């Protein structure tokens, strides 16, 4: 696994674990280019499954497709040494093509 994928993976581990009414899990593609946090739990007496964090790594960039957390992943990645110009907030309308 390359350094960028490794950094993203370990940053995202901070979003996994026991949640209020369930668990959140880090999942990844075999080639370590796609990472998600998948949450499974109960809310209002109903079974809930949600993917609140979706990240792609492409062409040396971290593309955050979805982030619904109160602690945005972009802040964690910057603190971990990834330059902001290598991070694309697709969920906020930034384009990976424009950033290249």
C-alpha atoms as a PDB file:
ATOM      1  CA  UNK A   1       0.000   0.000   0.000  1.00  0.00           C
ATOM      2  CA  UNK A   2       1.398   3.409  -0.893  1.00  0.00           C
ATOM      3  CA  UNK A   3       1.937   6.166   1.643  1.00  0.00           C
ATOM      4  CA  UNK A   4      -1.124   8.217   0.614  1.00  0.00           C
ATOM      5  CA  UNK A   5      -3.468   5.217   0.900  1.00  0.00           C
ATOM      6  CA  UNK A   6      -1.884   4.290   4.210  1.00  0.00           C
ATOM      7  CA  UNK A   7      -2.346   7.810   5.601  1.00  0.00           C
ATOM      8  CA  UNK A   8      -5.996   7.910   4.506  1.00  0.00           C
ATOM      9  CA  UNK A   9      -6.678   4.445   5.910  1.00  0.00           C
ATOM     10  CA  UNK A  10      -5.281   5.257   9.333  1.00  0.00           C
ATOM     11  CA  UNK A  11      -7.029   8.644   9.441  1.00  0.00           C
ATOM     12  CA  UNK A  12     -10.330   6.961   8.651  1.00  0.00           C
ATOM     13  CA  UNK A  13      -9.832   4.359  11.386  1.00  0.00           C
ATOM     14  CA  UNK A  14     -10.582   7.207  13.789  1.00  0.00           C
ATOM     15  CA  UNK A  15     -14.168   7.204  12.478  1.00  0.00           C
ATOM     16  CA  UNK A  16     -14.685   3.459  13.023  1.00  0.00           C
ATOM     17  CA  UNK A  17     -15.788   1.730  16.213  1.00  0.00           C
ATOM     18  CA  UNK A  18     -18.713   1.631  18.567  1.00  0.00           C
ATOM     19  CA  UNK A  19     -21.266   4.363  17.926  1.00  0.00           C
ATOM     20  CA  UNK A  20     -24.227   5.568  19.973  1.00  0.00           C
ATOM     21  CA  UNK A  21     -26.605   2.798  18.880  1.00  0.00           C
ATOM     22  CA  UNK A  22     -24.400   0.517  16.789  1.00  0.00           C
ATOM     23  CA  UNK A  23     -21.024   0.182  15.116  1.00  0.00           C
ATOM     24  CA  UNK A  24     -19.097   1.903  12.330  1.00  0.00           C
ATOM     25  CA  UNK A  25     -16.709  -0.106  10.166  1.00  0.00           C
ATOM     26  CA  UNK A  26     -13.833   0.850   7.867  1.00  0.00           C
ATOM     27  CA  UNK A  27     -14.123  -0.928   4.521  1.00  0.00           C
ATOM     28  CA  UNK A  28     -11.828  -0.736   1.508  1.00  0.00           C
ATOM     29  CA  UNK A  29     -11.433  -2.005  -2.021  1.00  0.00           C
ATOM     30  CA  UNK A  30      -8.826  -4.671  -2.740  1.00  0.00           C
ATOM     31  CA  UNK A  31      -6.537  -2.126  -4.403  1.00  0.00           C
ATOM     32  CA  UNK A  32      -6.880   0.362  -1.494  1.00  0.00           C
ATOM     33  CA  UNK A  33      -8.224   3.108  -3.766  1.00  0.00           C
ATOM     34  CA  UNK A  34     -11.687   3.278  -2.157  1.00  0.00           C
ATOM     35  CA  UNK A  35     -12.393   3.589   1.558  1.00  0.00           C
ATOM     36  CA  UNK A  36     -15.733   3.914   3.332  1.00  0.00           C
ATOM     37  CA  UNK A  37     -17.061   4.123   6.844  1.00  0.00           C
ATOM     38  CA  UNK A  38     -20.179   1.976   7.012  1.00  0.00           C
ATOM     39  CA  UNK A  39     -22.420   2.436  10.045  1.00  0.00           C
ATOM     40  CA  UNK A  40     -24.935  -0.167  11.199  1.00  0.00           C
ATOM     41  CA  UNK A  41     -27.259   0.392  14.141  1.00  0.00           C
ATOM     42  CA  UNK A  42     -30.670   1.195  15.533  1.00  0.00           C
ATOM     43  CA  UNK A  43     -32.504   4.523  15.517  1.00  0.00           C
ATOM     44  CA  UNK A  44     -36.102   5.094  16.486  1.00  0.00           C
ATOM     45  CA  UNK A  45     -36.662   1.366  16.725  1.00  0.00           C
ATOM     46  CA  UNK A  46     -35.511   0.830  13.130  1.00  0.00           C
ATOM     47  CA  UNK A  47     -32.445  -0.869  11.693  1.00  0.00           C
ATOM     48  CA  UNK A  48     -30.235   1.751  10.010  1.00  0.00           C
ATOM     49  CA  UNK A  49     -27.324   1.312   7.580  1.00  0.00           C
ATOM     50  CA  UNK A  50     -25.477   4.378   6.294  1.00  0.00           C
ATOM     51  CA  UNK A  51     -22.241   5.227   4.545  1.00  0.00           C
ATOM     52  CA  UNK A  52     -21.262   8.583   5.979  1.00  0.00           C
ATOM     53  CA  UNK A  53     -17.709   8.768   4.649  1.00  0.00           C
ATOM     54  CA  UNK A  54     -16.585   7.782   1.136  1.00  0.00           C
ATOM     55  CA  UNK A  55     -13.072   8.468  -0.148  1.00  0.00           C
ATOM     56  CA  UNK A  56     -11.374   7.685  -3.467  1.00  0.00           C
ATOM     57  CA  UNK A  57      -7.662   7.896  -4.140  1.00  0.00           C
ATOM     58  CA  UNK A  58      -6.912   8.700  -7.742  1.00  0.00           C
ATOM     59  CA  UNK A  59      -3.894  10.235  -9.487  1.00  0.00           C
ATOM     60  CA  UNK A  60      -2.209  11.158  -6.226  1.00  0.00           C
ATOM     61  CA  UNK A  61      -5.277  12.962  -4.908  1.00  0.00           C
ATOM     62  CA  UNK A  62      -7.675  12.194  -2.069  1.00  0.00           C
ATOM     63  CA  UNK A  63     -11.218  12.686  -3.332  1.00  0.00           C
ATOM     64  CA  UNK A  64     -13.733  12.892  -0.502  1.00  0.00           C
ATOM     65  CA  UNK A  65     -17.054  11.996  -2.114  1.00  0.00           C
ATOM     66  CA  UNK A  66     -19.142  12.095   1.064  1.00  0.00           C
ATOM     67  CA  UNK A  67     -18.471  13.290   4.595  1.00  0.00           C
ATOM     68  CA  UNK A  68     -21.328  13.876   7.050  1.00  0.00           C
ATOM     69  CA  UNK A  69     -19.191  13.949  10.181  1.00  0.00           C
ATOM     70  CA  UNK A  70     -18.930  16.805  12.666  1.00  0.00           C
ATOM     71  CA  UNK A  71     -15.138  16.352  12.508  1.00  0.00           C
ATOM     72  CA  UNK A  72     -14.424  16.652   8.749  1.00  0.00           C
ATOM     73  CA  UNK A  73     -11.878  14.206   7.349  1.00  0.00           C
ATOM     74  CA  UNK A  74     -10.175  17.021   5.424  1.00  0.00           C
ATOM     75  CA  UNK A  75      -9.031  18.551   8.735  1.00  0.00           C
ATOM     76  CA  UNK A  76      -7.615  15.233   9.939  1.00  0.00           C
ATOM     77  CA  UNK A  77      -5.788  14.627   6.648  1.00  0.00           C
ATOM     78  CA  UNK A  78      -4.224  18.093   6.677  1.00  0.00           C
ATOM     79  CA  UNK A  79      -3.106  17.549  10.285  1.00  0.00           C
ATOM     80  CA  UNK A  80      -1.593  14.241   9.127  1.00  0.00           C
ATOM     81  CA  UNK A  81       0.498  16.060   6.504  1.00  0.00           C
ATOM     82  CA  UNK A  82      -1.513  15.793   3.292  1.00  0.00           C
ATOM     83  CA  UNK A  83      -1.451  19.184   1.523  1.00  0.00           C
ATOM     84  CA  UNK A  84      -4.892  20.753   0.965  1.00  0.00           C
ATOM     85  CA  UNK A  85      -4.194  21.006  -2.782  1.00  0.00           C
ATOM     86  CA  UNK A  86      -4.103  17.182  -2.935  1.00  0.00           C
ATOM     87  CA  UNK A  87      -7.560  16.896  -1.313  1.00  0.00           C
ATOM     88  CA  UNK A  88     -10.745  17.313  -3.339  1.00  0.00           C
ATOM     89  CA  UNK A  89     -14.038  17.903  -1.532  1.00  0.00           C
ATOM     90  CA  UNK A  90     -16.338  16.440  -4.179  1.00  0.00           C
ATOM     91  CA  UNK A  91     -19.277  16.585  -1.740  1.00  0.00           C
ATOM     92  CA  UNK A  92     -18.799  20.379  -1.606  1.00  0.00           C
ATOM     93  CA  UNK A  93     -18.725  20.769  -5.395  1.00  0.00           C
ATOM     94  CA  UNK A  94     -14.953  20.675  -5.970  1.00  0.00           C
ATOM     95  CA  UNK A  95     -13.923  18.851  -9.125  1.00  0.00           C
ATOM     96  CA  UNK A  96     -11.030  16.401  -9.235  1.00  0.00           C
ATOM     97  CA  UNK A  97     -10.519  17.363 -12.892  1.00  0.00           C
ATOM     98  CA  UNK A  98     -10.134  21.054 -12.031  1.00  0.00           C
ATOM     99  CA  UNK A  99      -7.672  20.252  -9.230  1.00  0.00           C
ATOM    100  CA  UNK A 100      -5.371  18.261 -11.518  1.00  0.00           C
END
